[in-house]
Amino acid sequence: MARMGGRRHLKRLAAPDFWPILKKEYVWTVKPSPGPHPIERSIPLLIIVRDILGYAETAREARRLIAEGHFKV
C-alpha cells in the first residue's frame, strides 16, 4: 500500500533558511501544520516561543504555554 498521509516530522537541515534555529545542534524540528501558506513562508509558533523569544527550554514546555493561552496571535 502507498503512504497516504503526509509526513509529520522535518529534519533541521531541510528547514527553511530564514528559521532562526541551529541546523546542526539537533536532528529534528517542528513541522508547520498544513494551511493556506507554503512552508517556505511560514514559521511554527512553537519555534517562535522556544527559539526566538526563549520562554521555554523544550517543545513540551512551549506547547503547554501555548495551550494555556499565554500568547495572542
N, C-alpha and C. Protein backbone atom coordinates (compact mmCIF):
# COMPACT_ATOMS: atom_id res chain seq x y z
N MET A 1 0.83 -1.18 0.00
CA MET A 1 0.00 0.00 0.00
C MET A 1 0.88 1.25 0.00
N ALA A 2 0.37 2.27 -0.58
CA ALA A 2 1.10 3.54 -0.63
C ALA A 2 0.90 4.30 0.68
N ARG A 3 1.81 5.20 0.95
CA ARG A 3 1.68 6.04 2.14
C ARG A 3 0.70 7.16 1.82
N MET A 4 -0.42 7.14 2.51
CA MET A 4 -1.48 8.09 2.19
C MET A 4 -1.38 9.39 2.98
N GLY A 5 -0.81 9.34 4.17
CA GLY A 5 -0.72 10.55 4.98
C GLY A 5 0.55 11.33 4.70
N GLY A 6 0.55 12.57 5.09
CA GLY A 6 1.73 13.41 4.93
C GLY A 6 2.74 13.15 6.04
N ARG A 7 3.93 13.64 5.85
CA ARG A 7 4.98 13.48 6.85
C ARG A 7 4.71 14.42 8.02
N ARG A 8 4.95 13.93 9.23
CA ARG A 8 4.70 14.73 10.41
C ARG A 8 5.99 15.23 11.06
N HIS A 9 7.12 14.96 10.45
CA HIS A 9 8.38 15.40 11.03
C HIS A 9 9.23 16.07 9.96
N LEU A 10 10.23 16.82 10.40
CA LEU A 10 11.06 17.59 9.49
C LEU A 10 12.47 17.64 10.07
N LYS A 11 13.46 17.32 9.26
CA LYS A 11 14.84 17.44 9.72
C LYS A 11 15.26 18.90 9.68
N ARG A 12 16.10 19.28 10.61
CA ARG A 12 16.54 20.68 10.70
C ARG A 12 17.29 21.12 9.46
N LEU A 13 18.05 20.23 8.86
CA LEU A 13 18.80 20.60 7.66
C LEU A 13 17.87 20.93 6.49
N ALA A 14 16.66 20.36 6.49
CA ALA A 14 15.69 20.61 5.42
C ALA A 14 14.77 21.79 5.74
N ALA A 15 14.92 22.38 6.92
CA ALA A 15 14.08 23.52 7.30
C ALA A 15 14.44 24.75 6.47
N PRO A 16 13.50 25.65 6.27
CA PRO A 16 13.80 26.88 5.52
C PRO A 16 14.93 27.67 6.17
N ASP A 17 15.68 28.38 5.35
CA ASP A 17 16.86 29.09 5.84
C ASP A 17 16.53 30.27 6.75
N PHE A 18 15.35 30.85 6.63
CA PHE A 18 15.04 32.01 7.45
C PHE A 18 14.61 31.65 8.86
N TRP A 19 14.41 30.35 9.15
CA TRP A 19 14.08 29.94 10.51
C TRP A 19 15.31 30.14 11.39
N PRO A 20 15.20 30.81 12.52
CA PRO A 20 16.37 31.07 13.37
C PRO A 20 16.67 29.90 14.29
N ILE A 21 17.00 28.75 13.70
CA ILE A 21 17.34 27.57 14.50
C ILE A 21 18.74 27.12 14.13
N LEU A 22 19.39 26.45 15.07
CA LEU A 22 20.71 25.90 14.81
C LEU A 22 20.53 24.58 14.06
N LYS A 23 21.04 24.52 12.86
CA LYS A 23 20.78 23.37 11.99
C LYS A 23 21.50 22.10 12.46
N LYS A 24 22.66 22.25 13.10
CA LYS A 24 23.45 21.07 13.45
C LYS A 24 23.41 20.74 14.94
N GLU A 25 22.57 21.41 15.70
CA GLU A 25 22.50 21.14 17.13
C GLU A 25 21.71 19.86 17.40
N TYR A 26 20.57 19.71 16.76
CA TYR A 26 19.72 18.53 16.90
C TYR A 26 19.35 18.04 15.50
N VAL A 27 18.70 16.89 15.43
CA VAL A 27 18.34 16.32 14.13
C VAL A 27 16.97 16.80 13.68
N TRP A 28 15.98 16.79 14.57
CA TRP A 28 14.59 17.05 14.19
C TRP A 28 14.13 18.42 14.64
N THR A 29 13.10 18.93 13.98
CA THR A 29 12.46 20.19 14.37
C THR A 29 10.96 20.06 14.15
N VAL A 30 10.24 21.10 14.47
CA VAL A 30 8.79 21.12 14.33
C VAL A 30 8.42 21.36 12.87
N LYS A 31 7.43 20.63 12.39
CA LYS A 31 6.95 20.86 11.03
C LYS A 31 5.66 21.67 11.11
N PRO A 32 5.53 22.72 10.31
CA PRO A 32 4.30 23.51 10.35
C PRO A 32 3.09 22.69 9.94
N SER A 33 1.96 22.99 10.56
CA SER A 33 0.72 22.32 10.18
C SER A 33 0.30 22.81 8.80
N PRO A 34 -0.35 21.95 8.02
CA PRO A 34 -0.78 22.37 6.69
C PRO A 34 -1.83 23.48 6.79
N GLY A 35 -1.70 24.42 5.89
CA GLY A 35 -2.62 25.55 5.88
C GLY A 35 -2.54 26.27 4.56
N PRO A 36 -3.05 27.49 4.50
CA PRO A 36 -3.08 28.20 3.22
C PRO A 36 -1.73 28.73 2.77
N HIS A 37 -0.75 28.81 3.67
CA HIS A 37 0.54 29.38 3.31
C HIS A 37 1.58 28.28 3.12
N PRO A 38 2.50 28.46 2.17
CA PRO A 38 3.53 27.44 1.94
C PRO A 38 4.55 27.40 3.08
N ILE A 39 5.23 26.27 3.21
CA ILE A 39 6.20 26.08 4.28
C ILE A 39 7.37 27.05 4.15
N GLU A 40 7.65 27.50 2.94
CA GLU A 40 8.78 28.41 2.73
C GLU A 40 8.51 29.81 3.28
N ARG A 41 7.25 30.13 3.57
CA ARG A 41 6.92 31.46 4.07
C ARG A 41 6.22 31.43 5.42
N SER A 42 6.29 30.33 6.14
CA SER A 42 5.63 30.24 7.43
C SER A 42 6.63 29.76 8.48
N ILE A 43 6.34 30.06 9.73
CA ILE A 43 7.18 29.63 10.83
C ILE A 43 6.26 29.14 11.95
N PRO A 44 6.52 27.97 12.51
CA PRO A 44 5.65 27.45 13.57
C PRO A 44 5.71 28.31 14.83
N LEU A 45 4.59 28.42 15.51
CA LEU A 45 4.51 29.19 16.74
C LEU A 45 5.43 28.61 17.81
N LEU A 46 5.60 27.31 17.82
CA LEU A 46 6.48 26.67 18.80
C LEU A 46 7.92 27.14 18.64
N ILE A 47 8.38 27.32 17.43
CA ILE A 47 9.75 27.80 17.20
C ILE A 47 9.88 29.25 17.67
N ILE A 48 8.85 30.04 17.48
CA ILE A 48 8.89 31.43 17.94
C ILE A 48 8.98 31.48 19.46
N VAL A 49 8.15 30.68 20.14
CA VAL A 49 8.12 30.70 21.61
C VAL A 49 9.40 30.13 22.19
N ARG A 50 9.90 29.04 21.64
CA ARG A 50 11.05 28.36 22.23
C ARG A 50 12.38 28.96 21.79
N ASP A 51 12.59 29.16 20.50
CA ASP A 51 13.91 29.54 20.00
C ASP A 51 14.11 31.05 19.90
N ILE A 52 13.11 31.79 19.47
CA ILE A 52 13.28 33.23 19.29
C ILE A 52 13.07 33.98 20.61
N LEU A 53 11.92 33.78 21.23
CA LEU A 53 11.61 34.51 22.46
C LEU A 53 12.28 33.91 23.69
N GLY A 54 12.53 32.61 23.69
CA GLY A 54 13.21 31.95 24.80
C GLY A 54 12.34 31.76 26.04
N TYR A 55 11.03 31.68 25.87
CA TYR A 55 10.14 31.48 27.01
C TYR A 55 10.14 30.05 27.51
N ALA A 56 10.60 29.10 26.72
CA ALA A 56 10.59 27.69 27.11
C ALA A 56 11.91 27.05 26.71
N GLU A 57 12.29 26.04 27.46
CA GLU A 57 13.51 25.29 27.16
C GLU A 57 13.23 24.16 26.17
N THR A 58 12.07 23.52 26.31
CA THR A 58 11.75 22.35 25.50
C THR A 58 10.45 22.60 24.73
N ALA A 59 10.20 21.72 23.77
CA ALA A 59 8.96 21.81 22.99
C ALA A 59 7.75 21.52 23.86
N ARG A 60 7.91 20.64 24.83
CA ARG A 60 6.81 20.31 25.72
C ARG A 60 6.38 21.53 26.53
N GLU A 61 7.34 22.27 27.06
CA GLU A 61 7.03 23.48 27.81
C GLU A 61 6.36 24.52 26.91
N ALA A 62 6.87 24.66 25.69
CA ALA A 62 6.31 25.64 24.76
C ALA A 62 4.87 25.29 24.39
N ARG A 63 4.60 24.01 24.15
CA ARG A 63 3.23 23.59 23.83
C ARG A 63 2.28 23.88 24.99
N ARG A 64 2.76 23.66 26.21
CA ARG A 64 1.93 23.91 27.38
C ARG A 64 1.61 25.41 27.51
N LEU A 65 2.61 26.26 27.30
CA LEU A 65 2.38 27.70 27.37
C LEU A 65 1.39 28.16 26.31
N ILE A 66 1.51 27.61 25.11
CA ILE A 66 0.60 27.97 24.02
C ILE A 66 -0.82 27.50 24.34
N ALA A 67 -0.95 26.27 24.86
CA ALA A 67 -2.26 25.71 25.17
C ALA A 67 -2.95 26.46 26.31
N GLU A 68 -2.16 26.99 27.25
CA GLU A 68 -2.74 27.72 28.38
C GLU A 68 -3.17 29.13 27.99
N GLY A 69 -2.84 29.57 26.80
CA GLY A 69 -3.30 30.86 26.31
C GLY A 69 -2.46 32.04 26.74
N HIS A 70 -1.17 31.83 26.93
CA HIS A 70 -0.28 32.92 27.33
C HIS A 70 0.08 33.85 26.17
N PHE A 71 -0.26 33.47 24.94
CA PHE A 71 0.11 34.25 23.77
C PHE A 71 -1.13 34.56 22.94
N LYS A 72 -1.16 35.75 22.39
CA LYS A 72 -2.23 36.14 21.48
C LYS A 72 -1.64 36.32 20.10
N VAL A 73 -2.26 35.71 19.11
CA VAL A 73 -1.76 35.77 17.74
C VAL A 73 -2.68 36.65 16.92
